Amino acid sequence: MARRTALALAVICLAIFLYEAVLRLSLLPYTPLPAFFGNIHALTLFLLLFSLLHAAYALGTRHALLFFALTAIISWGYEQVGVATGWVYGAYHYTDVLGPKVGYVPALIPLAWFMMIYPSYVIANLISRGRPYGSGGTLGGVIWLALLSGAVMTAWDLVIDPILSASNVQAWIWEEGGPYFGIPACNFAGWMLTTVTVYLAYSLYEWRMPPPISATSHAAAGLPLVAYGAMLCSDLLVGGPPALVIIAPFVMGVPVLVAAERWWRCRAAAP
């Protein structure tokens, strides 16, 4: 019953995000709809709650909370070092756009990491193993899954970073610029490093302590794909460099489409 409740709440959170970040923005030029939770803080919170609740449903509460805790602690640690030293991602600093900070890092940032890390984990599992959850197999398979998950996650930064660091938003500022919309190339290596560290830490635990996955959870694995795709649509709708309209469907759209095809076959084969 508790897992069903978690799934129901996850669906509600995803529906709110879809309304606010996709449907409302899509129809804004034609039929303005009321905005209830339209700011970036609320939207991040709803998609975070979706990821956490869905993870609790699919993986069990213990695995979900550990996954979240590892993500929050590791991502905050890397970001804190990154802002303080210029290492990891390049020289940058956060403005006050994203709200209160813990150290040099807005409290919203570690939450946003898990918001997308969990859907990326499901997508990478489907692409590499044809199943949405679990890090079974060899140690080499666990490492490969961590690398693939990191790549799927980093693909999102190729889209969101040019939007939130642009001059009209400036949630953070790149102090020395760079070749990709003013972003240094080392930033994306830093994203890979951060996400691979998170995935390795969690996947090694999951490899030794498999989550209690039920047959019905495979059918619900389509929801994280919707969440990842919704973030892609939302990023394009809020604006940004025009070239992202070409870049985003490839870097984010291709992985989610491949994962969707694998999920469809997995769902059909599930008992």
Protein backbone atom coordinates (compact mmCIF):
# COMPACT_ATOMS: atom_id res chain seq x y z
CA MET A 1 0.00 0.00 0.00
CA ALA A 2 2.83 2.43 0.89
CA ARG A 3 4.51 1.83 -2.46
CA ARG A 4 1.24 2.40 -4.32
CA THR A 5 0.79 5.67 -2.44
CA ALA A 6 4.31 6.71 -3.41
CA LEU A 7 3.54 5.99 -7.06
CA ALA A 8 0.27 7.92 -6.93
CA LEU A 9 1.99 10.94 -5.38
CA ALA A 10 4.77 10.69 -7.96
CA VAL A 11 2.21 10.81 -10.77
CA ILE A 12 0.60 13.91 -9.22
CA CYS A 13 3.97 15.69 -8.94
CA LEU A 14 4.83 14.83 -12.54
CA ALA A 15 1.40 16.00 -13.73
CA ILE A 16 1.91 19.37 -12.00
CA PHE A 17 5.31 19.74 -13.66
CA LEU A 18 3.89 18.83 -17.06
CA TYR A 19 1.12 21.39 -16.68
CA GLU A 20 3.32 24.24 -15.45
CA ALA A 21 6.51 23.65 -17.43
CA VAL A 22 5.21 22.16 -20.68
CA LEU A 23 1.48 22.61 -21.32
CA ARG A 24 1.12 26.13 -19.93
CA LEU A 25 4.28 27.40 -21.63
CA SER A 26 3.30 25.75 -24.92
CA LEU A 27 -0.10 27.45 -24.95
CA LEU A 28 1.07 30.79 -23.57
CA PRO A 29 1.16 32.56 -26.96
CA TYR A 30 -2.37 31.38 -27.75
CA THR A 31 -4.34 30.78 -24.54
CA PRO A 32 -2.77 31.96 -21.28
CA LEU A 33 -3.48 29.43 -18.52
CA PRO A 34 -3.27 30.19 -14.81
CA ALA A 35 0.13 29.65 -13.20
CA PHE A 36 0.14 28.07 -9.75
CA PHE A 37 3.73 26.89 -9.28
CA GLY A 38 5.54 28.52 -12.18
CA ASN A 39 8.85 29.55 -10.62
CA ILE A 40 12.05 27.53 -10.91
CA HIS A 41 12.15 26.67 -7.20
CA ALA A 42 8.67 25.11 -7.18
CA LEU A 43 9.19 23.27 -10.47
CA THR A 44 12.48 21.82 -9.23
CA LEU A 45 10.77 20.71 -6.04
CA PHE A 46 7.93 18.95 -7.86
CA LEU A 47 10.26 17.11 -10.22
CA LEU A 48 12.53 16.23 -7.30
CA LEU A 49 9.55 14.82 -5.40
CA PHE A 50 8.57 12.84 -8.47
CA SER A 51 12.05 11.30 -8.72
CA LEU A 52 12.25 10.53 -5.00
CA LEU A 53 8.73 9.07 -4.78
CA HIS A 54 9.12 7.04 -7.95
CA ALA A 55 12.48 5.73 -6.72
CA ALA A 56 10.83 4.74 -3.44
CA TYR A 57 8.14 2.87 -5.38
CA ALA A 58 10.52 1.16 -7.81
CA LEU A 59 13.60 0.55 -5.63
CA GLY A 60 12.20 0.61 -2.12
CA THR A 61 12.47 3.40 0.45
CA ARG A 62 15.94 2.44 1.74
CA HIS A 63 17.53 2.39 -1.70
CA ALA A 64 15.75 5.60 -2.74
CA LEU A 65 16.86 7.54 0.33
CA LEU A 66 20.43 6.29 0.01
CA PHE A 67 20.48 7.24 -3.68
CA PHE A 68 19.18 10.71 -2.79
CA ALA A 69 21.61 11.19 0.10
CA LEU A 70 24.62 10.13 -1.98
CA THR A 71 23.57 12.45 -4.79
CA ALA A 72 23.02 15.45 -2.52
CA ILE A 73 26.24 15.02 -0.55
CA ILE A 74 28.54 14.22 -3.48
CA SER A 75 27.14 16.88 -5.81
CA TRP A 76 27.26 19.55 -3.08
CA GLY A 77 30.84 18.56 -2.25
CA TYR A 78 32.00 18.82 -5.85
CA GLU A 79 30.14 22.09 -6.36
CA GLN A 80 31.55 23.57 -3.15
CA VAL A 81 35.10 22.71 -4.22
CA GLY A 82 34.35 23.89 -7.74
CA VAL A 83 33.16 27.35 -6.71
CA ALA A 84 35.90 27.78 -4.10
CA THR A 85 38.84 26.72 -6.28
CA GLY A 86 37.79 26.82 -9.95
CA TRP A 87 38.63 23.13 -10.19
CA VAL A 88 36.20 20.46 -11.38
CA TYR A 89 33.97 22.65 -13.60
CA GLY A 90 36.03 25.76 -14.28
CA ALA A 91 35.91 29.19 -12.64
CA TYR A 92 32.33 30.19 -11.80
CA HIS A 93 30.17 31.46 -8.99
CA TYR A 94 26.46 31.42 -8.15
CA THR A 95 24.37 34.57 -7.95
CA ASP A 96 21.32 34.94 -5.69
CA VAL A 97 18.85 33.82 -8.41
CA LEU A 98 18.53 30.27 -7.06
CA GLY A 99 17.99 31.31 -3.45
CA PRO A 100 19.79 30.68 -0.14
CA LYS A 101 23.17 28.99 -0.19
CA VAL A 102 24.84 26.29 1.85
CA GLY A 103 28.42 27.45 1.70
CA TYR A 104 28.97 28.69 -1.84
CA VAL A 105 26.23 26.54 -3.36
CA PRO A 106 22.46 27.26 -3.49
CA ALA A 107 20.51 24.69 -1.47
CA LEU A 108 18.42 24.08 -4.60
CA ILE A 109 21.39 22.68 -6.55
CA PRO A 110 21.86 19.29 -4.82
CA LEU A 111 18.09 18.78 -5.12
CA ALA A 112 18.22 19.53 -8.83
CA TRP A 113 20.98 16.95 -9.27
CA PHE A 114 18.78 14.14 -7.97
CA MET A 115 15.79 15.50 -9.89
CA MET A 116 17.55 14.43 -13.10
CA ILE A 117 20.01 11.80 -11.88
CA TYR A 118 17.24 9.31 -11.17
CA PRO A 119 15.57 9.52 -14.62
CA SER A 120 19.05 9.34 -16.18
CA TYR A 121 19.74 6.16 -14.19
CA VAL A 122 16.54 4.54 -15.52
CA ILE A 123 17.34 5.59 -19.10
CA ALA A 124 20.91 4.26 -18.90
CA ASN A 125 19.70 0.96 -17.44
CA LEU A 126 17.20 0.52 -20.25
CA ILE A 127 19.74 1.35 -22.95
CA SER A 128 22.52 -0.85 -21.58
CA ARG A 129 20.61 -3.75 -20.02
CA GLY A 130 17.07 -3.62 -21.38
CA ARG A 131 15.76 -3.30 -17.82
CA PRO A 132 14.99 -0.09 -15.93
CA TYR A 133 16.52 -0.89 -12.54
CA GLY A 134 19.24 -2.89 -10.87
CA SER A 135 23.01 -2.98 -11.27
CA GLY A 136 23.47 -6.73 -11.65
CA GLY A 137 26.16 -8.43 -13.69
CA THR A 138 29.90 -7.98 -13.42
CA LEU A 139 31.89 -5.14 -11.87
CA GLY A 140 32.73 -4.04 -15.40
CA GLY A 141 29.01 -3.82 -16.11
CA VAL A 142 28.52 -1.60 -13.06
CA ILE A 143 31.30 0.73 -14.24
CA TRP A 144 29.85 0.84 -17.77
CA LEU A 145 26.42 1.67 -16.38
CA ALA A 146 27.91 4.50 -14.30
CA LEU A 147 29.64 5.95 -17.37
CA LEU A 148 26.50 5.72 -19.50
CA SER A 149 24.35 7.22 -16.75
CA GLY A 150 26.84 10.06 -16.41
CA ALA A 151 26.67 10.73 -20.15
CA VAL A 152 22.84 10.82 -20.13
CA MET A 153 22.92 13.21 -17.18
CA THR A 154 25.62 15.42 -18.71
CA ALA A 155 23.53 15.69 -21.89
CA TRP A 156 21.03 17.68 -19.83
CA ASP A 157 23.74 20.17 -18.85
CA LEU A 158 24.50 20.78 -22.52
CA VAL A 159 20.96 22.19 -22.70
CA ILE A 160 20.29 23.75 -19.30
CA ASP A 161 23.64 25.45 -18.70
CA PRO A 162 23.42 27.84 -21.67
CA ILE A 163 19.92 28.81 -20.50
CA LEU A 164 20.57 29.45 -16.81
CA SER A 165 23.99 31.06 -17.27
CA ALA A 166 22.77 33.39 -20.06
CA SER A 167 22.89 37.12 -19.43
CA ASN A 168 19.11 37.41 -18.99
CA VAL A 169 19.09 34.84 -16.15
CA GLN A 170 22.62 34.51 -14.70
CA ALA A 171 21.84 31.89 -12.07
CA TRP A 172 25.61 31.41 -12.18
CA ILE A 173 28.41 33.26 -13.95
CA TRP A 174 31.35 31.77 -15.82
CA GLU A 175 34.23 34.03 -14.92
CA GLU A 176 36.52 33.20 -17.84
CA GLY A 177 33.98 32.14 -20.48
CA GLY A 178 34.43 29.22 -22.80
CA PRO A 179 33.80 27.82 -26.31
CA TYR A 180 30.29 26.45 -25.74
CA PHE A 181 27.91 29.43 -25.32
CA GLY A 182 30.49 30.96 -22.99
CA ILE A 183 30.87 27.75 -20.97
CA PRO A 184 34.30 26.10 -20.53
CA ALA A 185 34.68 22.59 -21.92
CA CYS A 186 36.03 21.33 -18.58
CA ASN A 187 32.56 21.96 -17.09
CA PHE A 188 31.19 18.93 -18.91
CA ALA A 189 34.12 16.78 -17.82
CA GLY A 190 33.29 17.92 -14.28
CA TRP A 191 29.66 16.88 -14.75
CA MET A 192 30.78 13.45 -15.93
CA LEU A 193 33.11 13.15 -12.93
CA THR A 194 30.39 14.17 -10.48
CA THR A 195 27.66 11.96 -11.89
CA VAL A 196 29.91 8.93 -12.39
CA THR A 197 31.01 9.25 -8.75
CA VAL A 198 27.37 9.29 -7.62
CA TYR A 199 26.39 6.38 -9.83
CA LEU A 200 29.39 4.28 -8.84
CA ALA A 201 28.72 4.87 -5.14
CA TYR A 202 25.06 3.92 -5.47
CA SER A 203 25.47 1.17 -8.06
CA LEU A 204 28.13 -0.63 -6.02
CA TYR A 205 25.70 -0.68 -3.09
CA GLU A 206 22.85 -1.79 -5.34
CA TRP A 207 25.10 -4.45 -6.89
CA ARG A 208 25.74 -5.97 -3.47
CA MET A 209 22.25 -5.27 -2.08
CA PRO A 210 19.71 -5.65 -4.93
CA PRO A 211 16.54 -3.57 -4.51
CA PRO A 212 13.19 -5.31 -4.03
CA ILE A 213 11.93 -4.76 -7.58
CA SER A 214 8.42 -5.97 -8.41
CA ALA A 215 7.11 -6.98 -11.82
CA THR A 216 4.68 -4.05 -11.88
CA SER A 217 7.51 -1.56 -11.35
CA HIS A 218 8.74 -2.28 -14.88
CA ALA A 219 5.50 -0.88 -16.32
CA ALA A 220 5.87 2.29 -14.24
CA ALA A 221 9.42 2.80 -15.55
CA GLY A 222 7.94 4.78 -18.42
CA LEU A 223 7.29 7.69 -16.07
CA PRO A 224 10.97 8.70 -15.57
CA LEU A 225 11.29 8.75 -19.35
CA VAL A 226 8.36 11.18 -19.48
CA ALA A 227 10.07 13.30 -16.80
CA TYR A 228 13.34 13.46 -18.76
CA GLY A 229 11.46 14.29 -21.96
CA ALA A 230 9.38 16.91 -20.14
CA MET A 231 12.54 18.62 -18.92
CA LEU A 232 13.81 18.66 -22.51
CA CYS A 233 10.59 20.35 -23.68
CA SER A 234 10.55 22.74 -20.75
CA ASP A 235 14.14 23.85 -21.37
CA LEU A 236 13.32 24.67 -24.99
CA LEU A 237 10.12 26.50 -24.09
CA VAL A 238 11.72 28.87 -21.58
CA GLY A 239 14.07 30.20 -24.23
CA GLY A 240 17.82 30.28 -24.66
CA PRO A 241 20.28 30.29 -27.54
CA PRO A 242 18.39 29.40 -30.76
CA ALA A 243 20.91 26.66 -31.58
CA LEU A 244 19.60 24.63 -28.64
CA VAL A 245 16.52 23.83 -30.71
CA ILE A 246 18.84 21.72 -32.88
CA ILE A 247 21.22 20.49 -30.16
CA ALA A 248 18.70 19.44 -27.49
CA PRO A 249 16.66 16.88 -29.50
CA PHE A 250 19.87 15.04 -30.35
CA VAL A 251 21.70 15.07 -27.02
CA MET A 252 18.59 14.45 -24.88
CA GLY A 253 15.99 13.22 -27.34
CA VAL A 254 17.95 10.29 -28.81
CA PRO A 255 18.73 8.62 -25.45
CA VAL A 256 15.15 8.91 -24.25
CA LEU A 257 13.77 7.51 -27.51
CA VAL A 258 16.14 4.52 -27.42
CA ALA A 259 15.23 3.94 -23.77
CA ALA A 260 11.52 4.20 -24.60
CA GLU A 261 11.84 1.47 -27.23
CA ARG A 262 13.69 -0.77 -24.74
CA TRP A 263 11.09 -0.01 -22.07
CA TRP A 264 8.24 -0.95 -24.40
CA ARG A 265 9.82 -4.34 -25.07
CA CYS A 266 10.63 -4.81 -21.38
CA ARG A 267 7.06 -3.93 -20.37
CA ALA A 268 5.61 -6.31 -22.93
CA ALA A 269 7.84 -9.16 -21.70
CA ALA A 270 7.18 -8.56 -17.98
CA PRO A 271 4.90 -11.14 -16.29
